[in-house]
Every structure is written in C-alpha cells, then in structure tokens.
Amino acid sequence: MPDKTILRHSDYNQTHEDFYYKMYFDTLKTIFHPKDRYRIYIDIKDTRGGHKITKLHEVLSNNLYDFDKTIIERIQIARSSEIQLLQLADFLTGIIAAANRSVTKSPAKLALIRNMKESSHYSLVRTTLIRENKVNIFRWHPREDDA
C-alpha cells in the first residue's frame, strides 16, 4: 500500500485534508457521463467540510463544462452511519483495503477478500480500467519526485 507519510504537502501548498479532496476529484472525474445525473454523498470527515465540498462540486462541474450543474446535481456531506448505501460502500472499501494491506490473518476477512476477488475477477490490489462498471479501484501511487 502506498505510504502517505512521504507526501510533501508543503511543496504543493496543501494540507493532508486538501490532498484527500484532490483524490476525490481524481477519482470522480472519470466516471461521469454527460447524459446522466449525479448526486454524490461523501462521508463526513470534519466540521469544516462544507466549504471543501462546495469547491469540489464547482471544480468537478467546471471540468465537465457543467456550469449550470445539471450533470452533477449535488455533492453533500453525509454520515455513513445513517445511510445504508454508504455503509455498504465502507464495507466494500474495507475489504479492498484489507487486501492491499496483506497482513490480515482473520479467516473472516480472508474469506471476504477471496469472495470479492472471485466475484469481480480482479486482484483488488491494482487500478481497474477507468470505465469499469462493477468494481472500480483507483490505486494511488506517488510520483517518483514525490518520494
């Protein structure tokens, strides 16, 4: 798993939190289709996320030339504990994270990883094709000059 401690945030005038929002942008920008409509829910990280979510919506919409925000209708903060689909996303993300850590000895986690690998036909430790419909994994790697 990539080591986030090697990031040089000061070189990019950003915080670690800013980095996460940049990763949201990089992850989301590839999945939009101009004929579809999107409402995006992001798990709450802190009390200051409202401004960052507004900025993320603006940047994603501008990237799509969606200035009237008809493609990306909404991006909002939500508590994953209150939304079952976010709980499911957390669960699936947890399986992928466990597969990438390669240190779990839990038989239950190993069974979940094995089942997801078999069902998806992916290794879970590599980036999938950008337009993959069933499982889309974005594996971040620092640039060589970032290390």
Foldseek 3Di string as FASTA:
>chain_A
DADPVLFDCVVVVHDVVVVVLVVVLVLPLLAFDVVAAAAAEDEDDDPPCPVSQVVSQVVSCVSVVNNVRRRHVYYYYDHLVVDVVSVVVVVVVVLLVCLQVPPDPDPVSVVVVVVVCVVVVDSSNDADPSHDDPDGDDDDDDDPVSD
